[in-house]
C-alpha atoms as a PDB file:
ATOM      1  CA  MET A   1      58.578 116.066  91.705  1.00  0.00           C
ATOM      2  CA  THR A   2      59.216 118.866  94.201  1.00  0.00           C
ATOM      3  CA  ALA A   3      59.465 118.457  97.953  1.00  0.00           C
ATOM      4  CA  SER A   4      56.406 120.622  98.542  1.00  0.00           C
ATOM      5  CA  SER A   5      54.294 118.195  96.494  1.00  0.00           C
ATOM      6  CA  LEU A   6      55.235 115.388  98.897  1.00  0.00           C
ATOM      7  CA  LEU A   7      54.260 117.032 102.174  1.00  0.00           C
ATOM      8  CA  PRO A   8      52.696 114.552 104.631  1.00  0.00           C
ATOM      9  CA  SER A   9      49.242 114.795 106.139  1.00  0.00           C
ATOM     10  CA  ALA A  10      49.065 117.367 108.935  1.00  0.00           C
ATOM     11  CA  GLY A  11      49.044 116.257 112.552  1.00  0.00           C
ATOM     12  CA  LEU A  12      51.004 113.012 112.262  1.00  0.00           C
ATOM     13  CA  GLU A  13      52.548 111.839 115.544  1.00  0.00           C
ATOM     14  CA  ALA A  14      56.356 111.645 115.646  1.00  0.00           C
ATOM     15  CA  GLN A  15      56.670 107.916 114.970  1.00  0.00           C
ATOM     16  CA  ALA A  16      54.092 108.061 112.191  1.00  0.00           C
ATOM     17  CA  LEU A  17      55.901 111.006 110.587  1.00  0.00           C
ATOM     18  CA  VAL A  18      59.249 109.192 110.665  1.00  0.00           C
ATOM     19  CA  GLN A  19      57.594 106.082 109.226  1.00  0.00           C
ATOM     20  CA  TRP A  20      56.008 108.188 106.469  1.00  0.00           C
ATOM     21  CA  ALA A  21      59.413 109.683 105.608  1.00  0.00           C
ATOM     22  CA  ALA A  22      61.101 106.268 105.560  1.00  0.00           C
ATOM     23  CA  ASP A  23      58.353 104.761 103.375  1.00  0.00           C
ATOM     24  CA  THR A  24      58.194 107.768 101.028  1.00  0.00           C
ATOM     25  CA  PHE A  25      61.905 108.394 100.483  1.00  0.00           C
ATOM     26  CA  GLY A  26      63.557 105.058 101.293  1.00  0.00           C
ATOM     27  CA  PRO A  27      67.349 105.253 100.754  1.00  0.00           C
ATOM     28  CA  GLU A  28      67.014 108.935  99.869  1.00  0.00           C
ATOM     29  CA  LEU A  29      66.133 109.762 103.497  1.00  0.00           C
ATOM     30  CA  THR A  30      68.869 110.653 105.973  1.00  0.00           C
ATOM     31  CA  LEU A  31      69.032 111.705 109.623  1.00  0.00           C
ATOM     32  CA  ALA A  32      71.294 114.423 111.019  1.00  0.00           C
ATOM     33  CA  CYS A  33      72.567 113.337 114.435  1.00  0.00           C
ATOM     34  CA  SER A  34      74.670 115.545 116.717  1.00  0.00           C
ATOM     35  CA  ALA A  35      74.292 113.009 119.573  1.00  0.00           C
ATOM     36  CA  GLY A  36      72.073 115.382 121.579  1.00  0.00           C
ATOM     37  CA  VAL A  37      68.981 113.985 123.257  1.00  0.00           C
ATOM     38  CA  GLU A  38      66.556 114.952 120.496  1.00  0.00           C
ATOM     39  CA  ASP A  39      68.708 113.224 117.899  1.00  0.00           C
ATOM     40  CA  SER A  40      68.992 110.133 120.079  1.00  0.00           C
ATOM     41  CA  VAL A  41      65.176 109.999 120.112  1.00  0.00           C
ATOM     42  CA  LEU A  42      65.096 110.357 116.330  1.00  0.00           C
ATOM     43  CA  VAL A  43      67.582 107.511 115.929  1.00  0.00           C
ATOM     44  CA  HIS A  44      65.307 105.316 118.052  1.00  0.00           C
ATOM     45  CA  LEU A  45      62.247 106.302 115.990  1.00  0.00           C
ATOM     46  CA  ALA A  46      64.121 105.638 112.734  1.00  0.00           C
ATOM     47  CA  ALA A  47      65.120 102.199 113.964  1.00  0.00           C
ATOM     48  CA  GLN A  48      61.447 101.336 114.491  1.00  0.00           C
ATOM     49  CA  THR A  49      60.687 101.836 110.774  1.00  0.00           C
ATOM     50  CA  GLY A  50      62.472  98.632 109.810  1.00  0.00           C
ATOM     51  CA  GLN A  51      64.443 100.455 107.121  1.00  0.00           C
ATOM     52  CA  PRO A  52      68.238 101.037 107.093  1.00  0.00           C
ATOM     53  CA  VAL A  53      67.972 104.816 107.443  1.00  0.00           C
ATOM     54  CA  ARG A  54      71.299 106.583 106.943  1.00  0.00           C
ATOM     55  CA  VAL A  55      72.443 108.545 110.025  1.00  0.00           C
ATOM     56  CA  PHE A  56      75.283 111.064 109.875  1.00  0.00           C
ATOM     57  CA  LEU A  57      77.389 113.060 112.312  1.00  0.00           C
ATOM     58  CA  LEU A  58      79.145 116.288 111.329  1.00  0.00           C
ATOM     59  CA  ASP A  59      82.513 115.746 112.973  1.00  0.00           C
ATOM     60  CA  THR A  60      83.735 119.343 113.036  1.00  0.00           C
ATOM     61  CA  GLY A  61      87.085 118.623 114.666  1.00  0.00           C
ATOM     62  CA  ARG A  62      85.993 120.577 117.760  1.00  0.00           C
ATOM     63  CA  LEU A  63      83.448 118.183 119.294  1.00  0.00           C
ATOM     64  CA  HIS A  64      83.478 116.992 122.898  1.00  0.00           C
ATOM     65  CA  PRO A  65      84.901 113.459 123.303  1.00  0.00           C
ATOM     66  CA  GLU A  66      81.561 112.523 124.878  1.00  0.00           C
ATOM     67  CA  THR A  67      79.840 113.352 121.588  1.00  0.00           C
ATOM     68  CA  HIS A  68      81.895 110.731 119.753  1.00  0.00           C
ATOM     69  CA  GLU A  69      81.277 108.234 122.532  1.00  0.00           C
ATOM     70  CA  THR A  70      77.511 108.797 122.485  1.00  0.00           C
ATOM     71  CA  TYR A  71      77.349 108.523 118.706  1.00  0.00           C
ATOM     72  CA  ASP A  72      79.172 105.203 118.850  1.00  0.00           C
ATOM     73  CA  ARG A  73      76.848 103.948 121.596  1.00  0.00           C
ATOM     74  CA  LEU A  74      73.894 104.728 119.326  1.00  0.00           C
ATOM     75  CA  ARG A  75      75.602 102.873 116.473  1.00  0.00           C
ATOM     76  CA  GLN A  76      76.015  99.809 118.653  1.00  0.00           C
ATOM     77  CA  CYS A  77      72.486 100.021 120.054  1.00  0.00           C
ATOM     78  CA  TYR A  78      70.779 100.345 116.646  1.00  0.00           C
ATOM     79  CA  PRO A  79      72.670  98.081 114.208  1.00  0.00           C
ATOM     80  CA  GLY A  80      69.869  98.224 111.647  1.00  0.00           C
ATOM     81  CA  LEU A  81      70.759 101.818 110.744  1.00  0.00           C
ATOM     82  CA  ARG A  82      73.721 103.074 108.722  1.00  0.00           C
ATOM     83  CA  PHE A  83      75.989 105.397 110.729  1.00  0.00           C
ATOM     84  CA  GLU A  84      78.410 107.743 108.957  1.00  0.00           C
ATOM     85  CA  ALA A  85      80.587 110.736 109.856  1.00  0.00           C
ATOM     86  CA  TYR A  86      81.564 113.702 107.709  1.00  0.00           C
ATOM     87  CA  SER A  87      84.549 115.925 108.501  1.00  0.00           C
ATOM     88  CA  PRO A  88      85.714 119.249 107.058  1.00  0.00           C
ATOM     89  CA  GLU A  89      88.438 119.273 104.435  1.00  0.00           C
ATOM     90  CA  ALA A  90      91.855 119.656 106.059  1.00  0.00           C
ATOM     91  CA  ALA A  91      92.926 122.383 103.623  1.00  0.00           C
ATOM     92  CA  ASP A  92      89.782 124.403 104.428  1.00  0.00           C
ATOM     93  CA  VAL A  93      90.437 124.181 108.167  1.00  0.00           C
ATOM     94  CA  GLU A  94      94.076 125.149 107.746  1.00  0.00           C
ATOM     95  CA  ALA A  95      93.123 128.202 105.688  1.00  0.00           C
ATOM     96  CA  LEU A  96      90.472 129.205 108.244  1.00  0.00           C
ATOM     97  CA  VAL A  97      92.868 128.958 111.187  1.00  0.00           C
ATOM     98  CA  THR A  98      95.565 130.855 109.284  1.00  0.00           C
ATOM     99  CA  GLU A  99      93.107 133.664 108.616  1.00  0.00           C
ATOM    100  CA  GLN A 100      91.358 133.999 111.983  1.00  0.00           C
ATOM    101  CA  GLY A 101      93.295 131.894 114.487  1.00  0.00           C
ATOM    102  CA  LEU A 102      91.940 129.029 116.552  1.00  0.00           C
ATOM    103  CA  PHE A 103      89.312 131.135 118.320  1.00  0.00           C
ATOM    104  CA  GLY A 104      88.580 133.880 115.808  1.00  0.00           C
ATOM    105  CA  PHE A 105      84.925 132.871 115.722  1.00  0.00           C
ATOM    106  CA  ARG A 106      84.452 134.711 119.022  1.00  0.00           C
ATOM    107  CA  GLU A 107      85.488 138.035 117.517  1.00  0.00           C
ATOM    108  CA  GLY A 108      82.353 138.658 115.448  1.00  0.00           C
ATOM    109  CA  LEU A 109      79.353 137.119 113.758  1.00  0.00           C
ATOM    110  CA  ALA A 110      81.034 137.053 110.347  1.00  0.00           C
ATOM    111  CA  GLN A 111      84.002 135.158 111.748  1.00  0.00           C
ATOM    112  CA  ARG A 112      81.749 132.664 113.501  1.00  0.00           C
ATOM    113  CA  HIS A 113      79.729 132.114 110.343  1.00  0.00           C
ATOM    114  CA  ALA A 114      82.972 131.519 108.434  1.00  0.00           C
ATOM    115  CA  CYS A 115      83.955 128.860 110.957  1.00  0.00           C
ATOM    116  CA  CYS A 116      80.551 127.165 110.731  1.00  0.00           C
ATOM    117  CA  GLU A 117      80.739 127.267 106.939  1.00  0.00           C
ATOM    118  CA  VAL A 118      84.015 125.356 106.894  1.00  0.00           C
ATOM    119  CA  ARG A 119      83.404 122.948 109.751  1.00  0.00           C
ATOM    120  CA  LYS A 120      79.674 122.257 109.371  1.00  0.00           C
ATOM    121  CA  LEU A 121      78.014 123.538 106.212  1.00  0.00           C
ATOM    122  CA  ARG A 122      80.430 122.178 103.621  1.00  0.00           C
ATOM    123  CA  PRO A 123      80.433 118.709 105.254  1.00  0.00           C
ATOM    124  CA  LEU A 124      76.631 118.952 105.486  1.00  0.00           C
ATOM    125  CA  ARG A 125      76.359 119.470 101.745  1.00  0.00           C
ATOM    126  CA  ARG A 126      78.351 116.281 101.202  1.00  0.00           C
ATOM    127  CA  ALA A 127      76.275 114.406 103.782  1.00  0.00           C
ATOM    128  CA  LEU A 128      73.003 115.422 102.121  1.00  0.00           C
ATOM    129  CA  ALA A 129      74.133 114.780  98.536  1.00  0.00           C
ATOM    130  CA  GLY A 130      71.619 112.519  96.833  1.00  0.00           C
ATOM    131  CA  SER A 131      69.017 112.776  99.600  1.00  0.00           C
ATOM    132  CA  ARG A 132      65.449 113.983  99.035  1.00  0.00           C
ATOM    133  CA  ALA A 133      64.556 114.391 102.722  1.00  0.00           C
ATOM    134  CA  TRP A 134      66.313 114.648 106.072  1.00  0.00           C
ATOM    135  CA  LEU A 135      65.194 114.241 109.658  1.00  0.00           C
ATOM    136  CA  THR A 136      66.209 116.842 112.246  1.00  0.00           C
ATOM    137  CA  GLY A 137      65.695 117.179 115.999  1.00  0.00           C
ATOM    138  CA  LEU A 138      64.459 120.783 115.875  1.00  0.00           C
ATOM    139  CA  ARG A 139      61.898 121.804 118.517  1.00  0.00           C
ATOM    140  CA  ARG A 140      60.009 125.081 118.776  1.00  0.00           C
ATOM    141  CA  GLU A 141      60.944 125.766 122.387  1.00  0.00           C
ATOM    142  CA  GLN A 142      64.674 125.587 121.662  1.00  0.00           C
ATOM    143  CA  SER A 143      65.009 129.037 120.137  1.00  0.00           C
ATOM    144  CA  PRO A 144      63.025 132.067 118.886  1.00  0.00           C
ATOM    145  CA  THR A 145      64.476 131.362 115.431  1.00  0.00           C
ATOM    146  CA  ARG A 146      62.549 128.065 115.381  1.00  0.00           C
ATOM    147  CA  SER A 147      59.156 129.228 116.591  1.00  0.00           C
ATOM    148  CA  ASP A 148      57.460 129.316 113.182  1.00  0.00           C
ATOM    149  CA  LEU A 149      58.820 126.073 111.731  1.00  0.00           C
ATOM    150  CA  ARG A 150      56.573 123.353 110.401  1.00  0.00           C
ATOM    151  CA  ALA A 151      56.991 119.626 110.984  1.00  0.00           C
ATOM    152  CA  ALA A 152      57.765 119.181 107.294  1.00  0.00           C
ATOM    153  CA  GLU A 153      58.769 121.934 104.890  1.00  0.00           C
ATOM    154  CA  PRO A 154      61.049 122.412 101.879  1.00  0.00           C
ATOM    155  CA  ASP A 155      64.691 122.766 102.887  1.00  0.00           C
ATOM    156  CA  GLY A 156      65.663 126.435 102.737  1.00  0.00           C
ATOM    157  CA  GLY A 157      69.035 125.696 101.155  1.00  0.00           C
ATOM    158  CA  THR A 158      67.686 123.151  98.671  1.00  0.00           C
ATOM    159  CA  PRO A 159      63.922 123.572  98.088  1.00  0.00           C
ATOM    160  CA  GLU A 160      63.594 120.277  96.223  1.00  0.00           C
ATOM    161  CA  ARG A 161      64.584 118.458  99.430  1.00  0.00           C
ATOM    162  CA  LEU A 162      62.234 118.125 102.407  1.00  0.00           C
ATOM    163  CA  LYS A 163      63.249 118.853 105.996  1.00  0.00           C
ATOM    164  CA  VAL A 164      61.272 116.865 108.554  1.00  0.00           C
ATOM    165  CA  ALA A 165      61.177 117.717 112.284  1.00  0.00           C
ATOM    166  CA  PRO A 166      59.101 115.011 114.024  1.00  0.00           C
ATOM    167  CA  LEU A 167      59.752 116.404 117.523  1.00  0.00           C
ATOM    168  CA  LEU A 168      58.859 119.982 116.662  1.00  0.00           C
ATOM    169  CA  ASP A 169      56.060 120.317 119.226  1.00  0.00           C
ATOM    170  CA  TRP A 170      57.589 118.121 121.923  1.00  0.00           C
ATOM    171  CA  GLY A 171      58.494 119.771 125.216  1.00  0.00           C
ATOM    172  CA  HIS A 172      61.697 119.187 127.165  1.00  0.00           C
ATOM    173  CA  GLU A 173      59.953 116.929 129.676  1.00  0.00           C
ATOM    174  CA  GLN A 174      58.315 114.870 126.940  1.00  0.00           C
ATOM    175  CA  VAL A 175      61.668 114.235 125.285  1.00  0.00           C
ATOM    176  CA  TRP A 176      63.232 112.986 128.509  1.00  0.00           C
ATOM    177  CA  ALA A 177      60.212 110.895 129.472  1.00  0.00           C
ATOM    178  CA  PHE A 178      60.453 109.131 126.115  1.00  0.00           C
ATOM    179  CA  VAL A 179      64.182 108.522 126.585  1.00  0.00           C
ATOM    180  CA  GLN A 180      63.641 106.984 129.998  1.00  0.00           C
ATOM    181  CA  ALA A 181      60.721 104.852 128.841  1.00  0.00           C
ATOM    182  CA  HIS A 182      62.764 103.346 125.994  1.00  0.00           C
ATOM    183  CA  GLN A 183      66.222 103.368 127.651  1.00  0.00           C
ATOM    184  CA  ILE A 184      67.792 105.331 124.797  1.00  0.00           C
ATOM    185  CA  PRO A 185      71.513 106.229 125.056  1.00  0.00           C
ATOM    186  CA  THR A 186      72.030 109.935 125.764  1.00  0.00           C
ATOM    187  CA  HIS A 187      74.915 112.380 125.919  1.00  0.00           C
ATOM    188  CA  PRO A 188      76.473 112.513 129.425  1.00  0.00           C
ATOM    189  CA  LEU A 189      76.943 116.296 129.234  1.00  0.00           C
ATOM    190  CA  HIS A 190      73.175 116.703 129.480  1.00  0.00           C
ATOM    191  CA  ASP A 191      73.521 115.635 133.115  1.00  0.00           C
ATOM    192  CA  ALA A 192      76.169 118.341 133.585  1.00  0.00           C
ATOM    193  CA  GLY A 193      73.840 121.190 132.605  1.00  0.00           C
ATOM    194  CA  PHE A 194      74.273 121.171 128.820  1.00  0.00           C
ATOM    195  CA  PRO A 195      70.775 121.003 127.234  1.00  0.00           C
ATOM    196  CA  SER A 196      72.203 121.942 123.822  1.00  0.00           C
ATOM    197  CA  ILE A 197      75.584 120.599 122.708  1.00  0.00           C
ATOM    198  CA  GLY A 198      77.689 121.676 119.746  1.00  0.00           C
ATOM    199  CA  CYS A 199      81.407 122.302 119.315  1.00  0.00           C
ATOM    200  CA  ALA A 200      83.278 122.360 122.622  1.00  0.00           C
ATOM    201  CA  PRO A 201      84.582 125.978 122.355  1.00  0.00           C
ATOM    202  CA  CYS A 202      81.063 127.214 121.531  1.00  0.00           C
ATOM    203  CA  THR A 203      79.109 125.346 124.209  1.00  0.00           C
ATOM    204  CA  ARG A 204      78.805 125.828 127.962  1.00  0.00           C
ATOM    205  CA  ALA A 205      76.488 124.663 130.730  1.00  0.00           C
ATOM    206  CA  ILE A 206      73.529 126.933 131.432  1.00  0.00           C
ATOM    207  CA  GLN A 207      72.480 128.493 134.713  1.00  0.00           C
ATOM    208  CA  PRO A 208      69.091 127.931 136.389  1.00  0.00           C
ATOM    209  CA  GLY A 209      66.433 129.995 134.613  1.00  0.00           C
ATOM    210  CA  GLU A 210      68.371 130.424 131.364  1.00  0.00           C
ATOM    211  CA  ASP A 211      66.789 129.287 128.104  1.00  0.00           C
ATOM    212  CA  LEU A 212      67.745 125.959 126.583  1.00  0.00           C
ATOM    213  CA  ARG A 213      70.206 127.397 124.060  1.00  0.00           C
ATOM    214  CA  ALA A 214      71.788 130.009 126.313  1.00  0.00           C
ATOM    215  CA  GLY A 215      74.953 127.917 126.393  1.00  0.00           C
ATOM    216  CA  ARG A 216      75.411 128.019 122.625  1.00  0.00           C
ATOM    217  CA  TRP A 217      77.444 130.972 121.301  1.00  0.00           C
ATOM    218  CA  TRP A 218      76.635 132.759 124.552  1.00  0.00           C
ATOM    219  CA  TRP A 219      78.369 135.950 123.417  1.00  0.00           C
ATOM    220  CA  GLU A 220      75.781 136.496 120.634  1.00  0.00           C
ATOM    221  CA  HIS A 221      72.193 137.735 120.577  1.00  0.00           C
ATOM    222  CA  PRO A 222      69.539 134.959 120.652  1.00  0.00           C
ATOM    223  CA  GLU A 223      68.261 135.781 117.162  1.00  0.00           C
ATOM    224  CA  HIS A 224      71.726 135.028 115.740  1.00  0.00           C
ATOM    225  CA  LYS A 225      72.144 131.606 117.325  1.00  0.00           C
ATOM    226  CA  GLU A 226      72.005 129.457 114.214  1.00  0.00           C
ATOM    227  CA  CYS A 227      74.970 128.012 112.372  1.00  0.00           C
ATOM    228  CA  GLY A 228      73.342 127.809 108.941  1.00  0.00           C
ATOM    229  CA  LEU A 229      72.393 124.130 109.030  1.00  0.00           C
ATOM    230  CA  HIS A 230      68.762 125.214 109.177  1.00  0.00           C
ATOM    231  CA  HIS A 231      68.931 128.153 106.788  1.00  0.00           C
ATOM    232  CA  ARG A 232      65.593 129.695 105.818  1.00  0.00           C
ATOM    233  CA  PRO A 233      65.865 132.431 103.144  1.00  0.00           C
ATOM    234  CA  THR A 234      62.538 133.910 104.248  1.00  0.00           C
ATOM    235  CA  GLN A 235      60.706 133.414 107.496  1.00  0.00           C
ATOM    236  CA  GLY A 236      57.324 133.750 105.788  1.00  0.00           C
ATOM    237  CA  ARG A 237      55.321 130.706 104.827  1.00  0.00           C
ATOM    238  CA  PRO A 238      55.506 129.657 101.173  1.00  0.00           C
END
């Protein structure tokens, strides 16, 4: 059975969509958590399903210490979920650094994509092995590359797997209101002007008036600001 044949009813609220995914896919559902605020909300929603949803962090080797601390706080706060971490292979990282140096990813888009491939995409493939659906914290207002997403659609890299974005139409204020209402642990760098948090060398605080992902790969054009985790071969609707 293909992912597209299991699409949920349109218009489900976030909690209902997460519950649908947990009930439909059971142990074959997983949740990608980078410890940003959207992912903290998703962890809370997953915990409400009553199922031991598997949660994973891609530990790239370049994360802020606060990211590890926040992820562990979530693990302690939601013991009913299964928390895991996936790291890049040491030999792959050594080969990458030998080829482009420690900061070669700033020299061009190809170099940055090579870094993301080693540190994020290969661990992601291991994290998603055996899963039929995964939950992500994508929201439309985060980036122009995410404006035409749907709340549930076949995964671009693996069409037989479903990608589910329960917070897709949530605004920034709605996310934070939900966090405050439910006292959900959040990343301390958000309070320091980091609305979007990735690897430390690729993330900075934003200035007033800048868009939410201006601090990610700030030397690149906005339409390039994806690492490949949310690859879509075509932007058209299937």
